[in-house]
Amino acid sequence: MKNSNKGFTLLELLVVVLIIGILAGIALPQYRVAVKKAQLADYMSMVKALRNAEEMYLLEHGDYTKKLSALSISLSSSCRYYEDSYCSVYECGESWYGVCNDVSNVQAGTKEFTKYKLRYLQFIKDNDNMDGHEYHRGDIVCMAIKPAERKACMSLGPYEITHNSSTEVRYRILK
């Protein structure tokens, strides 16, 4: 008599679940890095646009502006504009874009600084008072907290670490 049970044994199911678990464990961290790289690419293009707008403002008025609203750049109407003691900022969803002339840079990053920090900034003037390091016009800095964000910063090319603490790592991208 032939046994014609159609189905899988418990052992076969466990092996399949184990294989799926291993694949998910490998793929998920890489997915997070890919998401952060895409977010960083968005920030890079916005910072480039802000820097270009600042340079145009400089040519017209002889100095950089301290107000992002003075630049000829348009953002979504859903963005909120505000100024604080350091920067003038557009906050758009989970991201923000700012002109921070007290520290001589234009920057973009995640809105939630303490939990998820991914910031990309470019200096428009020389600066020697940020984290005790000297930065020059054109220097690019990427700031990160979590491993996926750090890997995204490191993917920008050769770098040096200018600040390393439990709250963030700052990477100066080398040209």
Foldseek 3Di string as FASTA:
>chain_A
DDDDDDDDDPVVVVVVVVVVVVVCVVVVLVVLLVVLLVVVVVFVVVQVVQLVQQVVVCVVPVHGDQESVPTPDDDDPQWDWDDDPFWTWTHDVQKIWTQGPVQQWTKMWGPPQQPWTWMKIAGCAWGCPPLRHTDHHGKIKIKTADPSSVVSRPVVADWDWSDDDNRIIMTTHDD
